[in-house]
Amino acid sequence: MGKVVLVTGAARQLGGRFVRRIQREPEVDRVIAVDAIAPGHQLGDADFVRADIRQPAIARVLAEHTVDTVVHLDVSGKALGAGGRTTVKETNVIGTMQLLGACQKSPTVRRLVIKSSTGVYGSAPRDPAVFTETTPPKSLPSGGFAKDAVEVEGYVRGFARRRPDVAVCVLRFANILGPDADSPLADYLSLPVLPTVFGYDPRLQFVHEDDVIDVLRIASHEPRRGTLNSGTFNIAGDGVLLLSQCSRRLGRPTMPVPLPAVTWVGQALRTVGMTDFSPEQIRLLTHGRVVSTVQMRETLGFHPGFTTAETFADFARNQAPGLLPPEMVGRAVDRLAAMPFAGGTGEVPGITGTDDTQPTHSAR
């Protein structure tokens, strides 16, 4: 018999895409799609089970369908529907606890894939230039989705100790972007004017939605020769972008504000429901974060199809036009940077990678 794969978070856009994709794999016999609400998109031939993973009933779902592979995607920074931050945290943390408890009791579960975030590293002024999977954070996240991810990973490590016979794969995704991105950072980048922290220009990494689906597919299968589909892996596209480069490519002006005032701006944005401008997101937009993807390539055997810059370009193409044409902004900034009073050489940068056409840093 083929594999029986259970996918949580099927009502979300990303979960629905993965459900449709994984059922096309020849070794997969059945896909069980689980969520607390009915999805608004098609799930193909998958069996949809309406169940709240925060409730013990999820154990019955695993047993009834003889599930051998669990892909836990219901770990998110945004509520689905009308739920608020409390609902998100309960689903992320309590839901993961219940799901892991059910997996621990299940004699048929042999593989577990967890969607996590590079947010577990936090963002601090004395962070290393590049985080590896074993780098301890200088400052643990104090709240929001990043703290949820830290707690989720803690429970997963406990599960792995109790069930060493189960292959556990934790995927720490950089900021996920694409045409259908649904995340707090995507909401922020969609604002007509981007609030930024005065004096800071953070380095950011992105991973494309298509690459997310591909790496989840790889992690849910038996490993190929020379690879290992268990452990913890950073997942990100090649290269980095500065926040200033992102704003220029979107054609959106920035509004630099002093660091103490950023919290007030975040509160105002949350009040009008525009975006989740949490303290952890403020830290990311202050200090940035870059992770190494060596283990992703050499151990997991995954090579993203999109770089960070290409991912952002695909996201930008599907956004409403900014207030300013990106080409005009880019030319103006280049000319200002070339002025002698700005420390320039008097020459407008060309296409050597030092201007806005290419990222100025890269990390793997």
Protein backbone atom coordinates (compact mmCIF):
# COMPACT_ATOMS: atom_id res chain seq x y z
CA MET A 1 0.00 0.00 0.00
CA GLY A 2 1.09 3.60 -0.62
CA LYS A 3 1.72 6.33 1.91
CA VAL A 4 -1.11 7.97 3.83
CA VAL A 5 -0.24 11.64 4.39
CA LEU A 6 -2.07 13.90 6.83
CA VAL A 7 -1.71 17.65 6.25
CA THR A 8 -2.79 20.24 8.82
CA GLY A 9 -3.71 23.81 7.89
CA ALA A 10 -5.44 22.71 4.67
CA ALA A 11 -7.74 25.74 4.64
CA ARG A 12 -4.79 28.08 4.21
CA GLN A 13 -3.54 28.89 0.74
CA LEU A 14 -0.17 27.21 1.31
CA GLY A 15 -1.72 24.12 2.89
CA GLY A 16 -4.19 23.75 0.03
CA ARG A 17 -1.42 23.98 -2.56
CA PHE A 18 0.61 21.30 -0.81
CA VAL A 19 -2.41 19.01 -0.48
CA ARG A 20 -3.04 19.24 -4.23
CA ARG A 21 0.64 18.70 -5.00
CA ILE A 22 1.45 15.77 -2.72
CA GLN A 23 -1.46 13.65 -3.91
CA ARG A 24 0.11 13.56 -7.37
CA GLU A 25 3.13 11.66 -6.04
CA PRO A 26 3.04 8.01 -7.23
CA GLU A 27 3.95 6.58 -3.83
CA VAL A 28 1.14 8.47 -2.04
CA ASP A 29 -2.06 6.45 -1.75
CA ARG A 30 -4.24 8.89 0.21
CA VAL A 31 -4.07 12.45 1.55
CA ILE A 32 -6.03 13.51 4.62
CA ALA A 33 -6.51 17.29 4.73
CA VAL A 34 -7.33 18.66 8.17
CA ASP A 35 -8.46 22.09 9.35
CA ALA A 36 -10.92 23.61 11.79
CA ILE A 37 -12.75 25.45 9.01
CA ALA A 38 -13.77 24.37 5.52
CA PRO A 39 -11.32 25.54 2.85
CA GLY A 40 -12.38 28.00 0.19
CA HIS A 41 -10.26 26.26 -2.44
CA GLN A 42 -10.24 22.85 -4.07
CA LEU A 43 -8.30 19.99 -2.48
CA GLY A 44 -8.36 17.59 -5.42
CA ASP A 45 -8.96 13.99 -4.41
CA ALA A 46 -7.90 14.50 -0.80
CA ASP A 47 -10.23 13.51 2.03
CA PHE A 48 -11.09 16.63 4.02
CA VAL A 49 -11.66 16.16 7.75
CA ARG A 50 -12.98 19.12 9.68
CA ALA A 51 -11.12 18.88 12.97
CA ASP A 52 -9.51 21.32 15.38
CA ILE A 53 -5.98 20.17 16.17
CA ARG A 54 -6.31 21.85 19.57
CA GLN A 55 -8.73 19.07 20.53
CA PRO A 56 -7.88 15.43 21.38
CA ALA A 57 -10.05 14.27 18.45
CA ILE A 58 -7.03 14.59 16.16
CA ALA A 59 -5.74 11.31 17.64
CA ARG A 60 -8.84 9.56 16.34
CA VAL A 61 -8.23 10.95 12.86
CA LEU A 62 -4.71 9.51 12.81
CA ALA A 63 -5.95 6.12 13.95
CA GLU A 64 -8.97 5.89 11.64
CA HIS A 65 -6.92 6.64 8.52
CA THR A 66 -3.76 4.72 9.51
CA VAL A 67 -1.63 7.78 8.83
CA ASP A 68 2.12 7.20 8.41
CA THR A 69 3.27 10.71 7.42
CA VAL A 70 2.21 13.96 9.11
CA VAL A 71 2.97 17.36 7.56
CA HIS A 72 2.16 20.07 10.11
CA LEU A 73 1.55 23.36 8.29
CA ASP A 74 -0.92 24.89 10.74
CA VAL A 75 1.80 27.04 12.32
CA SER A 76 1.26 30.59 11.12
CA GLY A 77 1.71 34.25 11.97
CA LYS A 78 -1.77 35.27 10.85
CA ALA A 79 -5.26 34.25 11.88
CA LEU A 80 -7.48 32.59 9.33
CA GLY A 81 -10.82 34.35 9.16
CA ALA A 82 -11.96 36.40 12.15
CA GLY A 83 -9.62 34.85 14.72
CA GLY A 84 -7.21 37.10 16.59
CA ARG A 85 -3.76 36.71 18.10
CA THR A 86 -5.08 34.49 20.91
CA THR A 87 -6.54 32.02 18.42
CA VAL A 88 -3.31 31.99 16.42
CA LYS A 89 -1.18 31.26 19.48
CA GLU A 90 -3.51 28.52 20.68
CA THR A 91 -3.45 26.84 17.28
CA ASN A 92 0.31 27.17 16.96
CA VAL A 93 1.25 25.99 20.45
CA ILE A 94 -1.67 24.05 21.95
CA GLY A 95 -2.55 22.58 18.56
CA THR A 96 1.02 21.36 18.07
CA MET A 97 1.05 19.83 21.56
CA GLN A 98 -2.14 17.90 20.84
CA LEU A 99 -0.92 16.79 17.42
CA LEU A 100 2.41 15.57 18.81
CA GLY A 101 0.62 13.74 21.60
CA ALA A 102 -1.53 11.98 19.02
CA CYS A 103 1.53 11.13 16.90
CA GLN A 104 3.33 9.75 19.95
CA LYS A 105 0.49 7.30 20.61
CA SER A 106 0.09 6.29 16.98
CA PRO A 107 1.89 3.06 16.04
CA THR A 108 1.69 3.85 12.33
CA VAL A 109 3.29 7.33 12.17
CA ARG A 110 6.82 7.09 10.78
CA ARG A 111 7.55 10.59 9.43
CA LEU A 112 6.79 14.07 10.78
CA VAL A 113 7.43 17.36 8.94
CA ILE A 114 7.08 20.65 10.83
CA LYS A 115 6.77 24.13 9.29
CA SER A 116 8.82 26.52 11.41
CA SER A 117 10.48 29.89 10.87
CA THR A 118 13.91 31.51 10.90
CA GLY A 119 12.24 33.86 13.37
CA VAL A 120 13.40 31.45 16.10
CA TYR A 121 16.83 33.13 15.86
CA GLY A 122 15.36 36.49 16.79
CA SER A 123 16.83 39.80 15.61
CA ALA A 124 19.33 41.63 17.79
CA PRO A 125 22.05 44.24 17.26
CA ARG A 126 24.89 41.82 18.06
CA ASP A 127 23.63 38.93 15.94
CA PRO A 128 26.13 37.05 13.79
CA ALA A 129 26.23 37.98 10.12
CA VAL A 130 24.80 34.57 9.20
CA PHE A 131 22.88 32.10 11.39
CA THR A 132 23.44 28.37 11.01
CA GLU A 133 21.03 25.77 12.36
CA THR A 134 23.17 25.38 15.49
CA THR A 135 23.75 29.08 16.23
CA PRO A 136 22.15 30.06 19.53
CA PRO A 137 20.16 33.31 19.35
CA LYS A 138 21.58 36.35 21.11
CA SER A 139 18.08 37.29 22.23
CA LEU A 140 15.17 34.86 22.17
CA PRO A 141 11.95 36.19 20.66
CA SER A 142 9.78 37.69 23.38
CA GLY A 143 6.41 37.37 21.68
CA GLY A 144 4.40 36.93 18.53
CA PHE A 145 4.78 34.21 15.92
CA ALA A 146 8.54 33.92 16.47
CA LYS A 147 8.02 32.95 20.11
CA ASP A 148 5.34 30.47 19.05
CA ALA A 149 7.85 28.87 16.68
CA VAL A 150 10.41 28.57 19.49
CA GLU A 151 7.85 26.80 21.70
CA VAL A 152 6.73 24.56 18.85
CA GLU A 153 10.30 23.45 18.17
CA GLY A 154 10.80 22.74 21.87
CA TYR A 155 7.83 20.37 21.88
CA VAL A 156 9.05 18.75 18.66
CA ARG A 157 12.47 18.03 20.21
CA GLY A 158 10.72 16.38 23.15
CA PHE A 159 8.66 14.26 20.77
CA ALA A 160 11.78 13.22 18.84
CA ARG A 161 13.37 11.97 22.06
CA ARG A 162 10.31 9.95 23.00
CA ARG A 163 9.79 8.52 19.50
CA PRO A 164 13.27 7.98 18.00
CA ASP A 165 11.71 5.63 15.44
CA VAL A 166 9.95 8.59 13.76
CA ALA A 167 11.93 10.66 11.22
CA VAL A 168 11.39 14.30 12.22
CA CYS A 169 12.16 17.15 9.82
CA VAL A 170 11.88 20.78 10.96
CA LEU A 171 11.95 23.36 8.16
CA ARG A 172 12.82 26.89 9.24
CA PHE A 173 11.49 29.06 6.45
CA ALA A 174 12.69 32.58 5.76
CA ASN A 175 9.96 35.10 4.95
CA ILE A 176 7.63 33.42 2.45
CA LEU A 177 6.64 35.57 -0.52
CA GLY A 178 5.02 35.07 -3.89
CA PRO A 179 1.91 36.07 -5.83
CA ASP A 180 -0.41 34.70 -3.11
CA ALA A 181 1.67 35.48 -0.04
CA ASP A 182 -0.39 35.82 3.14
CA SER A 183 1.85 36.87 6.00
CA PRO A 184 2.45 39.89 8.26
CA LEU A 185 5.54 40.86 6.24
CA ALA A 186 3.58 40.67 2.96
CA ASP A 187 0.96 42.95 4.52
CA TYR A 188 3.67 45.37 5.57
CA LEU A 189 5.23 45.44 2.10
CA SER A 190 1.79 46.12 0.62
CA LEU A 191 1.36 49.38 2.53
CA PRO A 192 1.38 52.53 0.35
CA VAL A 193 4.14 53.98 2.56
CA LEU A 194 6.56 51.75 4.44
CA PRO A 195 7.38 52.80 8.02
CA THR A 196 11.08 52.13 8.64
CA VAL A 197 13.39 52.55 11.60
CA PHE A 198 15.49 55.67 11.24
CA GLY A 199 19.15 54.87 10.70
CA TYR A 200 18.67 51.15 9.90
CA ASP A 201 18.56 49.28 6.60
CA PRO A 202 18.15 45.58 7.47
CA ARG A 203 19.18 42.63 5.31
CA LEU A 204 16.26 40.34 4.46
CA GLN A 205 15.90 36.90 2.90
CA PHE A 206 12.87 35.44 1.14
CA VAL A 207 11.71 32.04 -0.03
CA HIS A 208 9.22 31.59 -2.85
CA GLU A 209 5.89 29.84 -2.32
CA ASP A 210 6.73 27.37 -5.10
CA ASP A 211 9.99 26.43 -3.37
CA VAL A 212 8.11 25.95 -0.11
CA ILE A 213 5.88 23.36 -1.77
CA ASP A 214 8.85 21.62 -3.37
CA VAL A 215 10.88 21.34 -0.18
CA LEU A 216 7.85 20.10 1.78
CA ARG A 217 7.40 17.40 -0.85
CA ILE A 218 11.05 16.34 -0.50
CA ALA A 219 10.88 16.32 3.30
CA SER A 220 7.73 14.17 3.34
CA HIS A 221 9.33 11.38 1.26
CA GLU A 222 11.92 8.79 2.05
CA PRO A 223 15.40 10.31 1.56
CA ARG A 224 17.22 9.81 -1.69
CA ARG A 225 20.68 8.28 -1.77
CA GLY A 226 23.18 10.69 -0.25
CA THR A 227 20.55 12.85 1.50
CA LEU A 228 18.95 12.86 4.93
CA ASN A 229 15.32 13.95 5.34
CA SER A 230 15.44 14.43 9.08
CA GLY A 231 16.86 17.18 11.25
CA THR A 232 16.49 20.96 11.23
CA PHE A 233 17.07 22.99 8.06
CA ASN A 234 17.09 26.68 7.16
CA ILE A 235 15.13 27.25 3.94
CA ALA A 236 15.79 30.46 1.98
CA GLY A 237 16.59 31.66 -1.52
CA ASP A 238 20.12 32.69 -2.45
CA GLY A 239 21.23 36.22 -1.65
CA VAL A 240 19.76 39.04 0.41
CA LEU A 241 17.95 42.31 -0.19
CA LEU A 242 18.13 45.48 1.86
CA LEU A 243 14.82 46.94 2.97
CA SER A 244 15.67 50.09 1.00
CA GLN A 245 16.06 47.96 -2.14
CA CYS A 246 12.67 46.38 -1.48
CA SER A 247 10.95 49.75 -1.17
CA ARG A 248 12.58 51.02 -4.37
CA ARG A 249 11.57 47.94 -6.35
CA LEU A 250 8.00 48.30 -5.12
CA GLY A 251 7.91 52.03 -5.84
CA ARG A 252 6.80 52.69 -2.28
CA PRO A 253 8.30 55.60 -0.34
CA THR A 254 9.56 54.97 3.17
CA MET A 255 8.72 56.89 6.32
CA PRO A 256 11.74 56.69 8.65
CA VAL A 257 10.75 57.14 12.28
CA PRO A 258 12.89 57.07 15.43
CA LEU A 259 13.02 53.65 17.06
CA PRO A 260 10.93 54.61 20.14
CA ALA A 261 8.13 55.87 17.87
CA VAL A 262 7.98 52.68 15.80
CA THR A 263 5.92 50.99 18.50
CA TRP A 264 3.31 53.74 18.26
CA VAL A 265 3.18 53.34 14.49
CA GLY A 266 2.69 49.59 14.92
CA GLN A 267 -0.15 50.13 17.36
CA ALA A 268 -1.84 52.53 14.94
CA LEU A 269 -1.54 50.04 12.07
CA ARG A 270 -2.97 47.22 14.17
CA THR A 271 -5.85 49.44 15.21
CA VAL A 272 -6.93 49.98 11.62
CA GLY A 273 -6.35 46.28 10.85
CA MET A 274 -3.79 46.89 8.11
CA THR A 275 -0.96 44.65 9.29
CA ASP A 276 0.53 42.80 12.24
CA PHE A 277 3.34 45.16 13.22
CA SER A 278 4.46 43.09 16.21
CA PRO A 279 7.58 43.84 18.30
CA GLU A 280 9.36 40.90 16.67
CA GLN A 281 8.62 42.30 13.22
CA ILE A 282 9.94 45.67 14.35
CA ARG A 283 13.18 43.97 15.41
CA LEU A 284 13.42 42.22 12.04
CA LEU A 285 12.93 45.54 10.23
CA THR A 286 15.61 47.06 12.47
CA HIS A 287 18.38 44.48 12.57
CA GLY A 288 17.41 42.06 9.78
CA ARG A 289 18.35 38.38 9.66
CA VAL A 290 20.38 36.17 7.31
CA VAL A 291 20.69 32.38 7.57
CA SER A 292 22.99 29.80 6.04
CA THR A 293 21.44 27.30 3.65
CA VAL A 294 24.40 24.94 3.34
CA GLN A 295 22.59 22.11 5.15
CA MET A 296 19.51 22.61 2.97
CA ARG A 297 21.61 21.91 -0.10
CA GLU A 298 24.17 19.39 1.08
CA THR A 299 22.13 17.33 3.55
CA LEU A 300 18.50 17.74 2.54
CA GLY A 301 19.39 17.89 -1.15
CA PHE A 302 17.12 20.83 -1.96
CA HIS A 303 18.10 23.64 -4.34
CA PRO A 304 15.58 26.51 -4.54
CA GLY A 305 14.34 27.55 -7.95
CA PHE A 306 14.13 31.22 -6.94
CA THR A 307 16.73 33.51 -5.43
CA THR A 308 15.72 36.06 -2.80
CA ALA A 309 15.70 38.78 -5.48
CA GLU A 310 13.64 36.67 -7.90
CA THR A 311 11.18 35.80 -5.16
CA PHE A 312 10.71 39.46 -4.33
CA ALA A 313 10.35 40.37 -8.01
CA ASP A 314 7.53 37.83 -8.40
CA PHE A 315 5.84 39.26 -5.32
CA ALA A 316 6.25 42.83 -6.59
CA ARG A 317 4.75 42.01 -10.00
CA ASN A 318 1.49 41.07 -8.30
CA GLN A 319 1.28 44.17 -6.11
CA ALA A 320 -0.63 47.34 -6.89
CA PRO A 321 1.57 50.10 -8.39
CA GLY A 322 3.45 52.11 -5.79
CA LEU A 323 3.15 55.85 -5.34
CA LEU A 324 6.44 56.39 -7.17
CA PRO A 325 7.76 54.64 -10.30
CA PRO A 326 10.63 52.33 -9.19
CA GLU A 327 12.83 53.45 -12.11
CA MET A 328 12.47 57.11 -11.16
CA VAL A 329 13.24 56.41 -7.50
CA GLY A 330 16.26 54.29 -8.44
CA ARG A 331 17.74 56.95 -10.73
CA ALA A 332 17.22 59.69 -8.13
CA VAL A 333 18.85 57.67 -5.36
CA ASP A 334 21.77 56.69 -7.61
CA ARG A 335 22.42 60.32 -8.55
CA LEU A 336 22.26 61.45 -4.92
CA ALA A 337 24.61 58.65 -3.87
CA ALA A 338 27.09 59.73 -6.55
CA MET A 339 27.24 63.32 -5.32
CA PRO A 340 30.57 64.29 -3.68
CA PHE A 341 28.82 65.52 -0.52
CA ALA A 342 27.32 62.02 -0.11
CA GLY A 343 30.75 60.42 -0.24
CA GLY A 344 30.27 59.25 -3.83
CA THR A 345 32.73 59.26 -6.68
CA GLY A 346 30.67 61.41 -8.96
CA GLU A 347 29.83 58.40 -11.13
CA VAL A 348 26.42 56.82 -11.34
CA PRO A 349 26.69 53.09 -10.44
CA GLY A 350 26.46 50.70 -13.36
CA ILE A 351 25.46 47.06 -13.51
CA THR A 352 28.35 45.62 -11.54
CA GLY A 353 26.12 44.58 -8.65
CA THR A 354 26.69 47.69 -6.51
CA ASP A 355 23.47 49.41 -7.57
CA ASP A 356 19.88 48.46 -6.96
CA THR A 357 19.68 46.02 -9.85
CA GLN A 358 21.42 43.28 -7.87
CA PRO A 359 21.62 42.39 -4.17
CA THR A 360 24.78 43.76 -2.58
CA HIS A 361 25.18 40.82 -0.20
CA SER A 362 24.76 37.09 -0.56
CA ALA A 363 24.53 34.26 1.93
CA ARG A 364 24.27 30.54 1.56
